[in-house]
Amino acid sequence: MINLLFKDGKRIGVEVKRQDAPTLSASMRIALRDLKLDRLVVLHPGSATYTLARNVEAVPLSVLSSKGSSLLIGRRSRKA
């Protein structure tokens, strides 16, 4: 399930996965298109932050807890 957030006129989707290393799924591509998302953040229990596709980033839950919600709404310039 993808949750939709609005910040400064941007549409941000957030999905939580149980997999350590999630991959881009058909449902993510559909959500990007149908919800007209500017960005999709996939939270996961793994340790790496990486790009899944244009405007789609996999982010460890541990980074979210240490960086706060700014991680969801702003682009990160460095990989964890």
PDB file of N, CA and C in Angstrom:
ATOM      1  N   MET A   1       0.837  -1.168   0.000  1.00  0.00           N
ATOM      2  CA  MET A   1       0.000   0.000   0.000  1.00  0.00           C
ATOM      3  C   MET A   1       0.889   1.241   0.000  1.00  0.00           C
ATOM      4  N   ILE A   2       0.584   2.172  -0.863  1.00  0.00           N
ATOM      5  CA  ILE A   2       1.351   3.412  -0.946  1.00  0.00           C
ATOM      6  C   ILE A   2       0.562   4.529  -0.281  1.00  0.00           C
ATOM      7  N   ASN A   3       1.218   5.227   0.630  1.00  0.00           N
ATOM      8  CA  ASN A   3       0.621   6.372   1.303  1.00  0.00           C
ATOM      9  C   ASN A   3       1.020   7.624   0.553  1.00  0.00           C
ATOM     10  N   LEU A   4       0.128   8.579   0.472  1.00  0.00           N
ATOM     11  CA  LEU A   4       0.366   9.804  -0.286  1.00  0.00           C
ATOM     12  C   LEU A   4       0.520  10.975   0.668  1.00  0.00           C
ATOM     13  N   LEU A   5       1.636  11.700   0.528  1.00  0.00           N
ATOM     14  CA  LEU A   5       1.899  12.909   1.306  1.00  0.00           C
ATOM     15  C   LEU A   5       1.951  14.093   0.361  1.00  0.00           C
ATOM     16  N   PHE A   6       1.586  15.260   0.859  1.00  0.00           N
ATOM     17  CA  PHE A   6       1.686  16.501   0.099  1.00  0.00           C
ATOM     18  C   PHE A   6       2.603  17.442   0.854  1.00  0.00           C
ATOM     19  N   LYS A   7       3.618  17.967   0.171  1.00  0.00           N
ATOM     20  CA  LYS A   7       4.550  18.908   0.788  1.00  0.00           C
ATOM     21  C   LYS A   7       4.971  19.936  -0.248  1.00  0.00           C
ATOM     22  N   ASP A   8       4.683  21.200   0.026  1.00  0.00           N
ATOM     23  CA  ASP A   8       5.062  22.301  -0.867  1.00  0.00           C
ATOM     24  C   ASP A   8       4.607  22.052  -2.303  1.00  0.00           C
ATOM     25  N   GLY A   9       3.394  21.553  -2.453  1.00  0.00           N
ATOM     26  CA  GLY A   9       2.853  21.307  -3.781  1.00  0.00           C
ATOM     27  C   GLY A   9       3.355  20.036  -4.450  1.00  0.00           C
ATOM     28  N   LYS A  10       4.183  19.273  -3.778  1.00  0.00           N
ATOM     29  CA  LYS A  10       4.727  18.025  -4.328  1.00  0.00           C
ATOM     30  C   LYS A  10       3.914  16.847  -3.815  1.00  0.00           C
ATOM     31  N   ARG A  11       3.782  15.835  -4.658  1.00  0.00           N
ATOM     32  CA  ARG A  11       3.084  14.598  -4.307  1.00  0.00           C
ATOM     33  C   ARG A  11       4.136  13.523  -4.054  1.00  0.00           C
ATOM     34  N   ILE A  12       4.215  13.058  -2.800  1.00  0.00           N
ATOM     35  CA  ILE A  12       5.233  12.101  -2.398  1.00  0.00           C
ATOM     36  C   ILE A  12       4.548  10.819  -1.929  1.00  0.00           C
ATOM     37  N   GLY A  13       4.927   9.719  -2.555  1.00  0.00           N
ATOM     38  CA  GLY A  13       4.409   8.426  -2.145  1.00  0.00           C
ATOM     39  C   GLY A  13       5.394   7.748  -1.213  1.00  0.00           C
ATOM     40  N   VAL A  14       4.850   7.013  -0.236  1.00  0.00           N
ATOM     41  CA  VAL A  14       5.689   6.275   0.705  1.00  0.00           C
ATOM     42  C   VAL A  14       5.146   4.851   0.791  1.00  0.00           C
ATOM     43  N   GLU A  15       6.025   3.896   0.568  1.00  0.00           N
ATOM     44  CA  GLU A  15       5.645   2.493   0.697  1.00  0.00           C
ATOM     45  C   GLU A  15       6.627   1.821   1.651  1.00  0.00           C
ATOM     46  N   VAL A  16       6.108   0.944   2.506  1.00  0.00           N
ATOM     47  CA  VAL A  16       6.943   0.223   3.462  1.00  0.00           C
ATOM     48  C   VAL A  16       7.008  -1.237   3.025  1.00  0.00           C
ATOM     49  N   LYS A  17       8.223  -1.753   2.924  1.00  0.00           N
ATOM     50  CA  LYS A  17       8.455  -3.137   2.502  1.00  0.00           C
ATOM     51  C   LYS A  17       9.144  -3.913   3.622  1.00  0.00           C
ATOM     52  N   ARG A  18       8.894  -5.211   3.667  1.00  0.00           N
ATOM     53  CA  ARG A  18       9.548  -6.080   4.646  1.00  0.00           C
ATOM     54  C   ARG A  18      10.856  -6.655   4.108  1.00  0.00           C
ATOM     55  N   GLN A  19      11.091  -6.548   2.816  1.00  0.00           N
ATOM     56  CA  GLN A  19      12.308  -7.079   2.190  1.00  0.00           C
ATOM     57  C   GLN A  19      13.507  -6.199   2.510  1.00  0.00           C
ATOM     58  N   ASP A  20      14.672  -6.815   2.695  1.00  0.00           N
ATOM     59  CA  ASP A  20      15.899  -6.058   2.955  1.00  0.00           C
ATOM     60  C   ASP A  20      16.352  -5.251   1.746  1.00  0.00           C
ATOM     61  N   ALA A  21      16.070  -5.745   0.559  1.00  0.00           N
ATOM     62  CA  ALA A  21      16.511  -5.074  -0.668  1.00  0.00           C
ATOM     63  C   ALA A  21      15.357  -5.068  -1.669  1.00  0.00           C
ATOM     64  N   PRO A  22      14.384  -4.168  -1.496  1.00  0.00           N
ATOM     65  CA  PRO A  22      13.238  -4.159  -2.401  1.00  0.00           C
ATOM     66  C   PRO A  22      13.623  -3.763  -3.819  1.00  0.00           C
ATOM     67  N   THR A  23      12.835  -4.220  -4.755  1.00  0.00           N
ATOM     68  CA  THR A  23      13.023  -3.870  -6.166  1.00  0.00           C
ATOM     69  C   THR A  23      11.775  -3.144  -6.654  1.00  0.00           C
ATOM     70  N   LEU A  24      11.900  -2.494  -7.776  1.00  0.00           N
ATOM     71  CA  LEU A  24      10.780  -1.775  -8.361  1.00  0.00           C
ATOM     72  C   LEU A  24       9.712  -2.770  -8.802  1.00  0.00           C
ATOM     73  N   SER A  25       8.487  -2.533  -8.385  1.00  0.00           N
ATOM     74  CA  SER A  25       7.391  -3.444  -8.729  1.00  0.00           C
ATOM     75  C   SER A  25       6.421  -2.776  -9.696  1.00  0.00           C
ATOM     76  N   ALA A  26       5.587  -3.584 -10.298  1.00  0.00           N
ATOM     77  CA  ALA A  26       4.568  -3.056 -11.204  1.00  0.00           C
ATOM     78  C   ALA A  26       3.636  -2.103 -10.464  1.00  0.00           C
ATOM     79  N   SER A  27       3.300  -2.427  -9.217  1.00  0.00           N
ATOM     80  CA  SER A  27       2.398  -1.557  -8.454  1.00  0.00           C
ATOM     81  C   SER A  27       3.036  -0.195  -8.171  1.00  0.00           C
ATOM     82  N   MET A  28       4.351  -0.159  -8.010  1.00  0.00           N
ATOM     83  CA  MET A  28       5.037   1.126  -7.812  1.00  0.00           C
ATOM     84  C   MET A  28       4.964   1.968  -9.076  1.00  0.00           C
ATOM     85  N   ARG A  29       5.197   1.329 -10.227  1.00  0.00           N
ATOM     86  CA  ARG A  29       5.104   2.061 -11.501  1.00  0.00           C
ATOM     87  C   ARG A  29       3.692   2.583 -11.729  1.00  0.00           C
ATOM     88  N   ILE A  30       2.701   1.783 -11.396  1.00  0.00           N
ATOM     89  CA  ILE A  30       1.306   2.197 -11.556  1.00  0.00           C
ATOM     90  C   ILE A  30       0.989   3.363 -10.624  1.00  0.00           C
ATOM     91  N   ALA A  31       1.461   3.285  -9.374  1.00  0.00           N
ATOM     92  CA  ALA A  31       1.228   4.369  -8.415  1.00  0.00           C
ATOM     93  C   ALA A  31       1.885   5.667  -8.879  1.00  0.00           C
ATOM     94  N   LEU A  32       3.115   5.573  -9.399  1.00  0.00           N
ATOM     95  CA  LEU A  32       3.787   6.774  -9.920  1.00  0.00           C
ATOM     96  C   LEU A  32       2.940   7.450 -10.988  1.00  0.00           C
ATOM     97  N   ARG A  33       2.397   6.635 -11.869  1.00  0.00           N
ATOM     98  CA  ARG A  33       1.594   7.171 -12.975  1.00  0.00           C
ATOM     99  C   ARG A  33       0.216   7.633 -12.506  1.00  0.00           C
ATOM    100  N   ASP A  34      -0.517   6.765 -11.836  1.00  0.00           N
ATOM    101  CA  ASP A  34      -1.908   7.070 -11.483  1.00  0.00           C
ATOM    102  C   ASP A  34      -2.038   8.163 -10.433  1.00  0.00           C
ATOM    103  N   LEU A  35      -1.116   8.190  -9.470  1.00  0.00           N
ATOM    104  CA  LEU A  35      -1.160   9.213  -8.425  1.00  0.00           C
ATOM    105  C   LEU A  35      -0.376  10.467  -8.809  1.00  0.00           C
ATOM    106  N   LYS A  36       0.276  10.415  -9.975  1.00  0.00           N
ATOM    107  CA  LYS A  36       1.086  11.547 -10.466  1.00  0.00           C
ATOM    108  C   LYS A  36       2.107  11.980  -9.405  1.00  0.00           C
ATOM    109  N   LEU A  37       2.855  10.989  -8.908  1.00  0.00           N
ATOM    110  CA  LEU A  37       3.825  11.249  -7.848  1.00  0.00           C
ATOM    111  C   LEU A  37       5.040  11.988  -8.381  1.00  0.00           C
ATOM    112  N   ASP A  38       5.526  12.934  -7.585  1.00  0.00           N
ATOM    113  CA  ASP A  38       6.789  13.601  -7.886  1.00  0.00           C
ATOM    114  C   ASP A  38       7.957  12.755  -7.387  1.00  0.00           C
ATOM    115  N   ARG A  39       7.677  11.932  -6.377  1.00  0.00           N
ATOM    116  CA  ARG A  39       8.721  11.112  -5.761  1.00  0.00           C
ATOM    117  C   ARG A  39       8.066   9.940  -5.045  1.00  0.00           C
ATOM    118  N   LEU A  40       8.751   8.804  -5.026  1.00  0.00           N
ATOM    119  CA  LEU A  40       8.301   7.642  -4.274  1.00  0.00           C
ATOM    120  C   LEU A  40       9.458   7.166  -3.399  1.00  0.00           C
ATOM    121  N   VAL A  41       9.202   7.055  -2.101  1.00  0.00           N
ATOM    122  CA  VAL A  41      10.196   6.577  -1.146  1.00  0.00           C
ATOM    123  C   VAL A  41       9.746   5.202  -0.671  1.00  0.00           C
ATOM    124  N   VAL A  42      10.643   4.224  -0.788  1.00  0.00           N
ATOM    125  CA  VAL A  42      10.348   2.859  -0.360  1.00  0.00           C
ATOM    126  C   VAL A  42      11.171   2.586   0.898  1.00  0.00           C
ATOM    127  N   LEU A  43      10.504   2.530   2.043  1.00  0.00           N
ATOM    128  CA  LEU A  43      11.177   2.268   3.308  1.00  0.00           C
ATOM    129  C   LEU A  43      11.349   0.763   3.481  1.00  0.00           C
ATOM    130  N   HIS A  44      12.530   0.345   3.954  1.00  0.00           N
ATOM    131  CA  HIS A  44      12.817  -1.083   4.099  1.00  0.00           C
ATOM    132  C   HIS A  44      13.739  -1.314   5.288  1.00  0.00           C
ATOM    133  N   PRO A  45      13.819  -2.566   5.800  1.00  0.00           N
ATOM    134  CA  PRO A  45      14.650  -2.846   6.975  1.00  0.00           C
ATOM    135  C   PRO A  45      16.137  -3.050   6.668  1.00  0.00           C
ATOM    136  N   GLY A  46      16.538  -2.970   5.424  1.00  0.00           N
ATOM    137  CA  GLY A  46      17.936  -3.156   5.047  1.00  0.00           C
ATOM    138  C   GLY A  46      18.811  -2.000   5.496  1.00  0.00           C
ATOM    139  N   SER A  47      20.042  -1.954   4.995  1.00  0.00           N
ATOM    140  CA  SER A  47      20.999  -0.929   5.433  1.00  0.00           C
ATOM    141  C   SER A  47      21.427   0.041   4.332  1.00  0.00           C
ATOM    142  N   ALA A  48      21.007  -0.185   3.091  1.00  0.00           N
ATOM    143  CA  ALA A  48      21.474   0.647   1.977  1.00  0.00           C
ATOM    144  C   ALA A  48      20.371   1.554   1.436  1.00  0.00           C
ATOM    145  N   THR A  49      20.791   2.743   1.033  1.00  0.00           N
ATOM    146  CA  THR A  49      19.916   3.663   0.311  1.00  0.00           C
ATOM    147  C   THR A  49      20.330   3.593  -1.154  1.00  0.00           C
ATOM    148  N   TYR A  50      19.361   3.404  -2.056  1.00  0.00           N
ATOM    149  CA  TYR A  50      19.698   3.298  -3.468  1.00  0.00           C
ATOM    150  C   TYR A  50      18.497   3.680  -4.325  1.00  0.00           C
ATOM    151  N   THR A  51      18.778   4.026  -5.556  1.00  0.00           N
ATOM    152  CA  THR A  51      17.755   4.417  -6.509  1.00  0.00           C
ATOM    153  C   THR A  51      17.181   3.178  -7.189  1.00  0.00           C
ATOM    154  N   LEU A  52      15.859   3.106  -7.240  1.00  0.00           N
ATOM    155  CA  LEU A  52      15.185   2.009  -7.934  1.00  0.00           C
ATOM    156  C   LEU A  52      14.812   2.405  -9.353  1.00  0.00           C
ATOM    157  N   ALA A  53      14.499   3.667  -9.553  1.00  0.00           N
ATOM    158  CA  ALA A  53      14.120   4.214 -10.856  1.00  0.00           C
ATOM    159  C   ALA A  53      14.114   5.732 -10.712  1.00  0.00           C
ATOM    160  N   ARG A  54      13.848   6.401 -11.814  1.00  0.00           N
ATOM    161  CA  ARG A  54      13.754   7.863 -11.764  1.00  0.00           C
ATOM    162  C   ARG A  54      12.687   8.243 -10.735  1.00  0.00           C
ATOM    163  N   ASN A  55      13.050   9.058  -9.752  1.00  0.00           N
ATOM    164  CA  ASN A  55      12.160   9.548  -8.699  1.00  0.00           C
ATOM    165  C   ASN A  55      11.702   8.469  -7.719  1.00  0.00           C
ATOM    166  N   VAL A  56      12.388   7.324  -7.688  1.00  0.00           N
ATOM    167  CA  VAL A  56      12.055   6.253  -6.745  1.00  0.00           C
ATOM    168  C   VAL A  56      13.324   5.866  -6.001  1.00  0.00           C
ATOM    169  N   GLU A  57      13.271   5.966  -4.668  1.00  0.00           N
ATOM    170  CA  GLU A  57      14.453   5.679  -3.868  1.00  0.00           C
ATOM    171  C   GLU A  57      14.101   4.711  -2.743  1.00  0.00           C
ATOM    172  N   ALA A  58      14.938   3.697  -2.534  1.00  0.00           N
ATOM    173  CA  ALA A  58      14.812   2.773  -1.412  1.00  0.00           C
ATOM    174  C   ALA A  58      15.615   3.351  -0.254  1.00  0.00           C
ATOM    175  N   VAL A  59      14.988   3.444   0.911  1.00  0.00           N
ATOM    176  CA  VAL A  59      15.607   4.085   2.066  1.00  0.00           C
ATOM    177  C   VAL A  59      15.436   3.190   3.294  1.00  0.00           C
ATOM    178  N   PRO A  60      16.519   2.908   4.027  1.00  0.00           N
ATOM    179  CA  PRO A  60      16.399   2.094   5.235  1.00  0.00           C
ATOM    180  C   PRO A  60      15.580   2.811   6.312  1.00  0.00           C
ATOM    181  N   LEU A  61      14.786   2.055   7.047  1.00  0.00           N
ATOM    182  CA  LEU A  61      14.019   2.632   8.154  1.00  0.00           C
ATOM    183  C   LEU A  61      14.921   3.293   9.179  1.00  0.00           C
ATOM    184  N   SER A  62      16.101   2.741   9.393  1.00  0.00           N
ATOM    185  CA  SER A  62      17.025   3.299  10.386  1.00  0.00           C
ATOM    186  C   SER A  62      17.449   4.721  10.029  1.00  0.00           C
ATOM    187  N   VAL A  63      17.582   5.013   8.749  1.00  0.00           N
ATOM    188  CA  VAL A  63      17.949   6.366   8.322  1.00  0.00           C
ATOM    189  C   VAL A  63      16.799   7.324   8.596  1.00  0.00           C
ATOM    190  N   LEU A  64      15.599   6.871   8.369  1.00  0.00           N
ATOM    191  CA  LEU A  64      14.429   7.708   8.628  1.00  0.00           C
ATOM    192  C   LEU A  64      14.358   8.087  10.103  1.00  0.00           C
ATOM    193  N   SER A  65      14.612   7.137  10.984  1.00  0.00           N
ATOM    194  CA  SER A  65      14.528   7.426  12.416  1.00  0.00           C
ATOM    195  C   SER A  65      15.619   8.401  12.863  1.00  0.00           C
ATOM    196  N   SER A  66      16.775   8.381  12.202  1.00  0.00           N
ATOM    197  CA  SER A  66      17.854   9.285  12.600  1.00  0.00           C
ATOM    198  C   SER A  66      17.789  10.631  11.888  1.00  0.00           C
ATOM    199  N   LYS A  67      17.195  10.685  10.694  1.00  0.00           N
ATOM    200  CA  LYS A  67      17.142  11.929   9.922  1.00  0.00           C
ATOM    201  C   LYS A  67      15.797  12.641  10.036  1.00  0.00           C
ATOM    202  N   GLY A  68      14.773  11.941  10.510  1.00  0.00           N
ATOM    203  CA  GLY A  68      13.458  12.552  10.621  1.00  0.00           C
ATOM    204  C   GLY A  68      12.749  12.633   9.276  1.00  0.00           C
ATOM    205  N   SER A  69      11.650  13.333   9.251  1.00  0.00           N
ATOM    206  CA  SER A  69      10.814  13.385   8.054  1.00  0.00           C
ATOM    207  C   SER A  69      11.452  14.176   6.913  1.00  0.00           C
ATOM    208  N   SER A  70      12.521  14.924   7.164  1.00  0.00           N
ATOM    209  CA  SER A  70      13.166  15.673   6.087  1.00  0.00           C
ATOM    210  C   SER A  70      13.674  14.753   4.988  1.00  0.00           C
ATOM    211  N   LEU A  71      13.961  13.513   5.325  1.00  0.00           N
ATOM    212  CA  LEU A  71      14.412  12.544   4.330  1.00  0.00           C
ATOM    213  C   LEU A  71      13.315  12.265   3.311  1.00  0.00           C
ATOM    214  N   LEU A  72      12.075  12.239   3.763  1.00  0.00           N
ATOM    215  CA  LEU A  72      10.971  11.940   2.861  1.00  0.00           C
ATOM    216  C   LEU A  72      10.689  13.080   1.895  1.00  0.00           C
ATOM    217  N   ILE A  73      10.870  14.299   2.349  1.00  0.00           N
ATOM    218  CA  ILE A  73      10.434  15.420   1.517  1.00  0.00           C
ATOM    219  C   ILE A  73      11.559  16.095   0.756  1.00  0.00           C
ATOM    220  N   GLY A  74      12.794  15.870   1.127  1.00  0.00           N
ATOM    221  CA  GLY A  74      13.906  16.492   0.423  1.00  0.00           C
ATOM    222  C   GLY A  74      14.784  15.462  -0.236  1.00  0.00           C
ATOM    223  N   ARG A  75      15.452  15.838  -1.299  1.00  0.00           N
ATOM    224  CA  ARG A  75      16.393  14.958  -1.978  1.00  0.00           C
ATOM    225  C   ARG A  75      17.638  14.813  -1.130  1.00  0.00           C
ATOM    226  N   ARG A  76      18.187  13.625  -1.085  1.00  0.00           N
ATOM    227  CA  ARG A  76      19.436  13.382  -0.382  1.00  0.00           C
ATOM    228  C   ARG A  76      20.575  13.511  -1.363  1.00  0.00           C
ATOM    229  N   SER A  77      21.670  14.086  -0.907  1.00  0.00           N
ATOM    230  CA  SER A  77      22.808  14.248  -1.812  1.00  0.00           C
ATOM    231  C   SER A  77      23.852  13.151  -1.620  1.00  0.00           C
ATOM    232  N   ARG A  78      23.747  12.387  -0.550  1.00  0.00           N
ATOM    233  CA  ARG A  78      24.739  11.328  -0.331  1.00  0.00           C
ATOM    234  C   ARG A  78      24.018  10.036  -0.006  1.00  0.00           C
ATOM    235  N   LYS A  79      24.652   8.944  -0.390  1.00  0.00           N
ATOM    236  CA  LYS A  79      24.084   7.624  -0.145  1.00  0.00           C
ATOM    237  C   LYS A  79      24.508   7.122   1.228  1.00  0.00           C
ATOM    238  N   ALA A  80      23.609   6.368   1.880  1.00  0.00           N
ATOM    239  CA  ALA A  80      23.922   5.810   3.206  1.00  0.00           C
ATOM    240  C   ALA A  80      24.678   4.511   3.070  1.00  0.00           C
TER     241      ALA A  80
END
